[in-house]
Amino acid sequence: MVEDWELGALYWNCLESENGNEELACQKVKEKYFDYMVSKCDLHFFLGTTQKFHNVGHNPFIIIGVFYPLKEDKTQLSLF
């Protein structure tokens, strides 16, 4: 489960730009995350719990935030 407000805002903006078409809005959100963020950004998820989901299952953690700085073009130096 993802509780990140920025993802919700992205969905609502895509929904508005697609004139209420939920399928196209979801596709645009997936494209943004899978195509852009995975390839160009260093994607990090902040995990947390909420009381609502804490005793529901064996893994109560949810994604409460996303941090995605651009990848730096660094090459690892040789040890030898």
PDB file of N, CA and C in Angstrom:
ATOM      1  N   MET A   1       0.842  -1.170   0.000  1.00  0.00           N
ATOM      2  CA  MET A   1       0.000   0.000   0.000  1.00  0.00           C
ATOM      3  C   MET A   1       0.894   1.242   0.000  1.00  0.00           C
ATOM      4  N   VAL A   2       0.493   2.241  -0.752  1.00  0.00           N
ATOM      5  CA  VAL A   2       1.255   3.491  -0.850  1.00  0.00           C
ATOM      6  C   VAL A   2       0.390   4.625  -0.318  1.00  0.00           C
ATOM      7  N   GLU A   3       0.876   5.325   0.684  1.00  0.00           N
ATOM      8  CA  GLU A   3       0.162   6.444   1.286  1.00  0.00           C
ATOM      9  C   GLU A   3       0.813   7.783   0.950  1.00  0.00           C
ATOM     10  N   ASP A   4       1.680   7.824  -0.037  1.00  0.00           N
ATOM     11  CA  ASP A   4       2.401   9.033  -0.384  1.00  0.00           C
ATOM     12  C   ASP A   4       1.448  10.043  -1.020  1.00  0.00           C
ATOM     13  N   TRP A   5       1.384  11.259  -0.479  1.00  0.00           N
ATOM     14  CA  TRP A   5       0.470  12.279  -0.984  1.00  0.00           C
ATOM     15  C   TRP A   5       0.846  12.714  -2.397  1.00  0.00           C
ATOM     16  N   GLU A   6       2.141  12.683  -2.710  1.00  0.00           N
ATOM     17  CA  GLU A   6       2.584  13.132  -4.028  1.00  0.00           C
ATOM     18  C   GLU A   6       2.093  12.194  -5.136  1.00  0.00           C
ATOM     19  N   LEU A   7       2.042  10.904  -4.839  1.00  0.00           N
ATOM     20  CA  LEU A   7       1.504   9.940  -5.799  1.00  0.00           C
ATOM     21  C   LEU A   7       0.015  10.196  -6.028  1.00  0.00           C
ATOM     22  N   GLY A   8      -0.693  10.512  -4.961  1.00  0.00           N
ATOM     23  CA  GLY A   8      -2.117  10.849  -5.089  1.00  0.00           C
ATOM     24  C   GLY A   8      -2.325  12.103  -5.914  1.00  0.00           C
ATOM     25  N   ALA A   9      -1.487  13.109  -5.689  1.00  0.00           N
ATOM     26  CA  ALA A   9      -1.593  14.353  -6.459  1.00  0.00           C
ATOM     27  C   ALA A   9      -1.294  14.103  -7.930  1.00  0.00           C
ATOM     28  N   LEU A  10      -0.309  13.249  -8.208  1.00  0.00           N
ATOM     29  CA  LEU A  10      -0.001  12.892  -9.592  1.00  0.00           C
ATOM     30  C   LEU A  10      -1.199  12.220 -10.255  1.00  0.00           C
ATOM     31  N   TYR A  11      -1.838  11.312  -9.525  1.00  0.00           N
ATOM     32  CA  TYR A  11      -3.020  10.631 -10.073  1.00  0.00           C
ATOM     33  C   TYR A  11      -4.137  11.623 -10.373  1.00  0.00           C
ATOM     34  N   TRP A  12      -4.417  12.529  -9.431  1.00  0.00           N
ATOM     35  CA  TRP A  12      -5.501  13.481  -9.654  1.00  0.00           C
ATOM     36  C   TRP A  12      -5.198  14.418 -10.821  1.00  0.00           C
ATOM     37  N   ASN A  13      -3.942  14.823 -10.969  1.00  0.00           N
ATOM     38  CA  ASN A  13      -3.570  15.663 -12.113  1.00  0.00           C
ATOM     39  C   ASN A  13      -3.701  14.905 -13.427  1.00  0.00           C
ATOM     40  N   CYS A  14      -3.297  13.638 -13.435  1.00  0.00           N
ATOM     41  CA  CYS A  14      -3.437  12.828 -14.650  1.00  0.00           C
ATOM     42  C   CYS A  14      -4.906  12.584 -14.966  1.00  0.00           C
ATOM     43  N   LEU A  15      -5.712  12.382 -13.937  1.00  0.00           N
ATOM     44  CA  LEU A  15      -7.146  12.168 -14.138  1.00  0.00           C
ATOM     45  C   LEU A  15      -7.789  13.407 -14.762  1.00  0.00           C
ATOM     46  N   GLU A  16      -7.372  14.575 -14.300  1.00  0.00           N
ATOM     47  CA  GLU A  16      -7.900  15.815 -14.860  1.00  0.00           C
ATOM     48  C   GLU A  16      -7.454  16.001 -16.310  1.00  0.00           C
ATOM     49  N   SER A  17      -6.183  15.693 -16.596  1.00  0.00           N
ATOM     50  CA  SER A  17      -5.684  15.875 -17.959  1.00  0.00           C
ATOM     51  C   SER A  17      -6.289  14.863 -18.938  1.00  0.00           C
ATOM     52  N   GLU A  18      -6.758  13.734 -18.418  1.00  0.00           N
ATOM     53  CA  GLU A  18      -7.383  12.713 -19.271  1.00  0.00           C
ATOM     54  C   GLU A  18      -8.907  12.782 -19.221  1.00  0.00           C
ATOM     55  N   ASN A  19      -9.454  13.903 -18.747  1.00  0.00           N
ATOM     56  CA  ASN A  19     -10.895  14.156 -18.713  1.00  0.00           C
ATOM     57  C   ASN A  19     -11.681  13.082 -17.974  1.00  0.00           C
ATOM     58  N   GLY A  20     -11.138  12.633 -16.835  1.00  0.00           N
ATOM     59  CA  GLY A  20     -11.854  11.684 -15.986  1.00  0.00           C
ATOM     60  C   GLY A  20     -11.694  10.228 -16.354  1.00  0.00           C
ATOM     61  N   ASN A  21     -10.878   9.906 -17.344  1.00  0.00           N
ATOM     62  CA  ASN A  21     -10.665   8.518 -17.744  1.00  0.00           C
ATOM     63  C   ASN A  21      -9.668   7.870 -16.776  1.00  0.00           C
ATOM     64  N   GLU A  22     -10.181   7.029 -15.853  1.00  0.00           N
ATOM     65  CA  GLU A  22      -9.340   6.442 -14.810  1.00  0.00           C
ATOM     66  C   GLU A  22      -8.280   5.500 -15.376  1.00  0.00           C
ATOM     67  N   GLU A  23      -8.621   4.762 -16.417  1.00  0.00           N
ATOM     68  CA  GLU A  23      -7.668   3.812 -17.004  1.00  0.00           C
ATOM     69  C   GLU A  23      -6.455   4.541 -17.595  1.00  0.00           C
ATOM     70  N   LEU A  24      -6.705   5.612 -18.334  1.00  0.00           N
ATOM     71  CA  LEU A  24      -5.598   6.383 -18.915  1.00  0.00           C
ATOM     72  C   LEU A  24      -4.796   7.107 -17.835  1.00  0.00           C
ATOM     73  N   ALA A  25      -5.471   7.588 -16.786  1.00  0.00           N
ATOM     74  CA  ALA A  25      -4.771   8.261 -15.695  1.00  0.00           C
ATOM     75  C   ALA A  25      -3.836   7.280 -14.979  1.00  0.00           C
ATOM     76  N   CYS A  26      -4.312   6.073 -14.713  1.00  0.00           N
ATOM     77  CA  CYS A  26      -3.467   5.052 -14.072  1.00  0.00           C
ATOM     78  C   CYS A  26      -2.287   4.691 -14.960  1.00  0.00           C
ATOM     79  N   GLN A  27      -2.502   4.620 -16.261  1.00  0.00           N
ATOM     80  CA  GLN A  27      -1.429   4.301 -17.194  1.00  0.00           C
ATOM     81  C   GLN A  27      -0.357   5.390 -17.180  1.00  0.00           C
ATOM     82  N   LYS A  28      -0.776   6.652 -17.111  1.00  0.00           N
ATOM     83  CA  LYS A  28       0.186   7.755 -17.060  1.00  0.00           C
ATOM     84  C   LYS A  28       0.995   7.730 -15.765  1.00  0.00           C
ATOM     85  N   VAL A  29       0.357   7.382 -14.643  1.00  0.00           N
ATOM     86  CA  VAL A  29       1.065   7.290 -13.363  1.00  0.00           C
ATOM     87  C   VAL A  29       2.088   6.164 -13.433  1.00  0.00           C
ATOM     88  N   LYS A  30       1.702   5.023 -13.987  1.00  0.00           N
ATOM     89  CA  LYS A  30       2.632   3.897 -14.133  1.00  0.00           C
ATOM     90  C   LYS A  30       3.806   4.273 -15.024  1.00  0.00           C
ATOM     91  N   GLU A  31       3.541   4.969 -16.114  1.00  0.00           N
ATOM     92  CA  GLU A  31       4.614   5.400 -17.007  1.00  0.00           C
ATOM     93  C   GLU A  31       5.590   6.323 -16.271  1.00  0.00           C
ATOM     94  N   LYS A  32       5.058   7.231 -15.472  1.00  0.00           N
ATOM     95  CA  LYS A  32       5.920   8.161 -14.729  1.00  0.00           C
ATOM     96  C   LYS A  32       6.833   7.394 -13.774  1.00  0.00           C
ATOM     97  N   TYR A  33       6.275   6.453 -13.032  1.00  0.00           N
ATOM     98  CA  TYR A  33       7.087   5.718 -12.052  1.00  0.00           C
ATOM     99  C   TYR A  33       7.984   4.687 -12.715  1.00  0.00           C
ATOM    100  N   PHE A  34       7.431   3.869 -13.596  1.00  0.00           N
ATOM    101  CA  PHE A  34       8.212   2.763 -14.158  1.00  0.00           C
ATOM    102  C   PHE A  34       9.210   3.222 -15.213  1.00  0.00           C
ATOM    103  N   ASP A  35       8.841   4.181 -16.037  1.00  0.00           N
ATOM    104  CA  ASP A  35       9.732   4.616 -17.113  1.00  0.00           C
ATOM    105  C   ASP A  35      10.701   5.703 -16.667  1.00  0.00           C
ATOM    106  N   TYR A  36      10.188   6.739 -16.045  1.00  0.00           N
ATOM    107  CA  TYR A  36      11.042   7.873 -15.687  1.00  0.00           C
ATOM    108  C   TYR A  36      11.803   7.631 -14.382  1.00  0.00           C
ATOM    109  N   MET A  37      11.080   7.353 -13.311  1.00  0.00           N
ATOM    110  CA  MET A  37      11.726   7.285 -11.997  1.00  0.00           C
ATOM    111  C   MET A  37      12.679   6.107 -11.856  1.00  0.00           C
ATOM    112  N   VAL A  38      12.349   4.986 -12.417  1.00  0.00           N
ATOM    113  CA  VAL A  38      13.225   3.823 -12.294  1.00  0.00           C
ATOM    114  C   VAL A  38      14.493   3.999 -13.122  1.00  0.00           C
ATOM    115  N   SER A  39      14.375   4.596 -14.301  1.00  0.00           N
ATOM    116  CA  SER A  39      15.545   4.708 -15.171  1.00  0.00           C
ATOM    117  C   SER A  39      16.400   5.945 -14.872  1.00  0.00           C
ATOM    118  N   LYS A  40      15.797   7.058 -14.453  1.00  0.00           N
ATOM    119  CA  LYS A  40      16.538   8.303 -14.302  1.00  0.00           C
ATOM    120  C   LYS A  40      16.771   8.728 -12.850  1.00  0.00           C
ATOM    121  N   CYS A  41      16.074   8.111 -11.919  1.00  0.00           N
ATOM    122  CA  CYS A  41      16.161   8.538 -10.523  1.00  0.00           C
ATOM    123  C   CYS A  41      16.649   7.401  -9.628  1.00  0.00           C
ATOM    124  N   ASP A  42      17.196   7.797  -8.494  1.00  0.00           N
ATOM    125  CA  ASP A  42      17.596   6.854  -7.459  1.00  0.00           C
ATOM    126  C   ASP A  42      16.419   6.760  -6.497  1.00  0.00           C
ATOM    127  N   LEU A  43      15.561   5.779  -6.690  1.00  0.00           N
ATOM    128  CA  LEU A  43      14.267   5.684  -6.022  1.00  0.00           C
ATOM    129  C   LEU A  43      14.398   5.072  -4.628  1.00  0.00           C
ATOM    130  N   HIS A  44      13.870   5.787  -3.628  1.00  0.00           N
ATOM    131  CA  HIS A  44      13.874   5.321  -2.237  1.00  0.00           C
ATOM    132  C   HIS A  44      12.449   5.393  -1.698  1.00  0.00           C
ATOM    133  N   PHE A  45      12.072   4.402  -0.916  1.00  0.00           N
ATOM    134  CA  PHE A  45      10.756   4.389  -0.282  1.00  0.00           C
ATOM    135  C   PHE A  45      10.916   4.519   1.224  1.00  0.00           C
ATOM    136  N   PHE A  46      10.085   5.343   1.838  1.00  0.00           N
ATOM    137  CA  PHE A  46      10.034   5.455   3.293  1.00  0.00           C
ATOM    138  C   PHE A  46       8.914   4.548   3.779  1.00  0.00           C
ATOM    139  N   LEU A  47       9.257   3.608   4.633  1.00  0.00           N
ATOM    140  CA  LEU A  47       8.274   2.672   5.159  1.00  0.00           C
ATOM    141  C   LEU A  47       7.855   3.086   6.558  1.00  0.00           C
ATOM    142  N   GLY A  48       6.633   2.775   6.896  1.00  0.00           N
ATOM    143  CA  GLY A  48       6.121   3.049   8.231  1.00  0.00           C
ATOM    144  C   GLY A  48       4.898   2.204   8.481  1.00  0.00           C
ATOM    145  N   THR A  49       4.327   2.383   9.634  1.00  0.00           N
ATOM    146  CA  THR A  49       3.104   1.659   9.974  1.00  0.00           C
ATOM    147  C   THR A  49       2.057   2.663  10.422  1.00  0.00           C
ATOM    148  N   THR A  50       0.823   2.237  10.369  1.00  0.00           N
ATOM    149  CA  THR A  50      -0.267   3.021  10.938  1.00  0.00           C
ATOM    150  C   THR A  50      -1.034   2.101  11.874  1.00  0.00           C
ATOM    151  N   GLN A  51      -1.692   2.679  12.831  1.00  0.00           N
ATOM    152  CA  GLN A  51      -2.435   1.859  13.785  1.00  0.00           C
ATOM    153  C   GLN A  51      -3.524   1.057  13.074  1.00  0.00           C
ATOM    154  N   LYS A  52      -4.091   1.612  12.021  1.00  0.00           N
ATOM    155  CA  LYS A  52      -5.159   0.940  11.284  1.00  0.00           C
ATOM    156  C   LYS A  52      -4.702  -0.408  10.729  1.00  0.00           C
ATOM    157  N   PHE A  53      -3.463  -0.501  10.256  1.00  0.00           N
ATOM    158  CA  PHE A  53      -2.976  -1.730   9.630  1.00  0.00           C
ATOM    159  C   PHE A  53      -2.007  -2.520  10.515  1.00  0.00           C
ATOM    160  N   HIS A  54      -1.754  -2.040  11.736  1.00  0.00           N
ATOM    161  CA  HIS A  54      -0.703  -2.650  12.551  1.00  0.00           C
ATOM    162  C   HIS A  54      -1.010  -4.092  12.962  1.00  0.00           C
ATOM    163  N   ASN A  55      -2.227  -4.420  13.304  1.00  0.00           N
ATOM    164  CA  ASN A  55      -2.568  -5.767  13.756  1.00  0.00           C
ATOM    165  C   ASN A  55      -3.372  -6.556  12.723  1.00  0.00           C
ATOM    166  N   VAL A  56      -3.392  -6.096  11.491  1.00  0.00           N
ATOM    167  CA  VAL A  56      -4.197  -6.745  10.454  1.00  0.00           C
ATOM    168  C   VAL A  56      -3.504  -7.965   9.867  1.00  0.00           C
ATOM    169  N   GLY A  57      -2.237  -7.859   9.560  1.00  0.00           N
ATOM    170  CA  GLY A  57      -1.537  -8.960   8.903  1.00  0.00           C
ATOM    171  C   GLY A  57      -0.158  -9.158   9.472  1.00  0.00           C
ATOM    172  N   HIS A  58       0.572 -10.040   8.832  1.00  0.00           N
ATOM    173  CA  HIS A  58       1.919 -10.339   9.315  1.00  0.00           C
ATOM    174  C   HIS A  58       2.920  -9.247   8.951  1.00  0.00           C
ATOM    175  N   ASN A  59       2.588  -8.379   8.003  1.00  0.00           N
ATOM    176  CA  ASN A  59       3.487  -7.309   7.593  1.00  0.00           C
ATOM    177  C   ASN A  59       2.701  -5.998   7.547  1.00  0.00           C
ATOM    178  N   PRO A  60       2.722  -5.227   8.627  1.00  0.00           N
ATOM    179  CA  PRO A  60       1.894  -4.018   8.683  1.00  0.00           C
ATOM    180  C   PRO A  60       2.515  -2.799   7.994  1.00  0.00           C
ATOM    181  N   PHE A  61       3.670  -2.951   7.345  1.00  0.00           N
ATOM    182  CA  PHE A  61       4.354  -1.794   6.778  1.00  0.00           C
ATOM    183  C   PHE A  61       3.701  -1.320   5.489  1.00  0.00           C
ATOM    184  N   ILE A  62       3.681   0.000   5.319  1.00  0.00           N
ATOM    185  CA  ILE A  62       3.172   0.630   4.111  1.00  0.00           C
ATOM    186  C   ILE A  62       4.199   1.664   3.658  1.00  0.00           C
ATOM    187  N   ILE A  63       4.105   2.062   2.399  1.00  0.00           N
ATOM    188  CA  ILE A  63       4.980   3.111   1.874  1.00  0.00           C
ATOM    189  C   ILE A  63       4.337   4.448   2.233  1.00  0.00           C
ATOM    190  N   ILE A  64       5.036   5.229   3.068  1.00  0.00           N
ATOM    191  CA  ILE A  64       4.482   6.508   3.495  1.00  0.00           C
ATOM    192  C   ILE A  64       5.119   7.685   2.767  1.00  0.00           C
ATOM    193  N   GLY A  65       6.158   7.416   1.994  1.00  0.00           N
ATOM    194  CA  GLY A  65       6.793   8.489   1.250  1.00  0.00           C
ATOM    195  C   GLY A  65       7.765   7.957   0.216  1.00  0.00           C
ATOM    196  N   VAL A  66       8.040   8.779  -0.772  1.00  0.00           N
ATOM    197  CA  VAL A  66       8.963   8.412  -1.848  1.00  0.00           C
ATOM    198  C   VAL A  66       9.969   9.547  -2.010  1.00  0.00           C
ATOM    199  N   PHE A  67      11.234   9.189  -2.146  1.00  0.00           N
ATOM    200  CA  PHE A  67      12.312  10.147  -2.371  1.00  0.00           C
ATOM    201  C   PHE A  67      13.037   9.707  -3.633  1.00  0.00           C
ATOM    202  N   TYR A  68      13.167  10.590  -4.615  1.00  0.00           N
ATOM    203  CA  TYR A  68      13.721  10.184  -5.906  1.00  0.00           C
ATOM    204  C   TYR A  68      14.662  11.241  -6.491  1.00  0.00           C
ATOM    205  N   PRO A  69      15.855  11.375  -5.904  1.00  0.00           N
ATOM    206  CA  PRO A  69      16.827  12.294  -6.514  1.00  0.00           C
ATOM    207  C   PRO A  69      17.330  11.724  -7.839  1.00  0.00           C
ATOM    208  N   LEU A  70      17.747  12.595  -8.728  1.00  0.00           N
ATOM    209  CA  LEU A  70      18.288  12.143 -10.008  1.00  0.00           C
ATOM    210  C   LEU A  70      19.552  11.329  -9.775  1.00  0.00           C
ATOM    211  N   LYS A  71      19.735  10.305 -10.594  1.00  0.00           N
ATOM    212  CA  LYS A  71      20.945   9.488 -10.497  1.00  0.00           C
ATOM    213  C   LYS A  71      22.138  10.318 -10.906  1.00  0.00           C
ATOM    214  N   GLU A  72      23.213  10.159 -10.168  1.00  0.00           N
ATOM    215  CA  GLU A  72      24.457  10.823 -10.532  1.00  0.00           C
ATOM    216  C   GLU A  72      25.268   9.870 -11.388  1.00  0.00           C
ATOM    217  N   ASP A  73      25.894  10.421 -12.382  1.00  0.00           N
ATOM    218  CA  ASP A  73      26.666   9.587 -13.310  1.00  0.00           C
ATOM    219  C   ASP A  73      28.056   9.352 -12.737  1.00  0.00           C
ATOM    220  N   LYS A  74      28.136   8.453 -11.763  1.00  0.00           N
ATOM    221  CA  LYS A  74      29.417   8.123 -11.146  1.00  0.00           C
ATOM    222  C   LYS A  74      29.818   6.721 -11.559  1.00  0.00           C
ATOM    223  N   THR A  75      31.055   6.565 -11.796  1.00  0.00           N
ATOM    224  CA  THR A  75      31.575   5.224 -12.068  1.00  0.00           C
ATOM    225  C   THR A  75      32.426   4.797 -10.880  1.00  0.00           C
ATOM    226  N   GLN A  76      32.326   3.545 -10.553  1.00  0.00           N
ATOM    227  CA  GLN A  76      33.086   3.041  -9.411  1.00  0.00           C
ATOM    228  C   GLN A  76      34.550   2.923  -9.804  1.00  0.00           C
ATOM    229  N   LEU A  77      35.405   3.400  -8.936  1.00  0.00           N
ATOM    230  CA  LEU A  77      36.837   3.319  -9.193  1.00  0.00           C
ATOM    231  C   LEU A  77      37.350   1.930  -8.876  1.00  0.00           C
ATOM    232  N   SER A  78      38.398   1.542  -9.543  1.00  0.00           N
ATOM    233  CA  SER A  78      38.999   0.231  -9.322  1.00  0.00           C
ATOM    234  C   SER A  78      39.765   0.214  -8.006  1.00  0.00           C
ATOM    235  N   LEU A  79      39.732  -0.918  -7.330  1.00  0.00           N
ATOM    236  CA  LEU A  79      40.509  -1.070  -6.093  1.00  0.00           C
ATOM    237  C   LEU A  79      41.977  -1.338  -6.359  1.00  0.00           C
ATOM    238  N   PHE A  80      42.291  -1.804  -7.532  1.00  0.00           N
ATOM    239  CA  PHE A  80      43.677  -2.180  -7.859  1.00  0.00           C
ATOM    240  C   PHE A  80      44.200  -1.420  -9.049  1.00  0.00           C
TER     241      PHE A  80
END
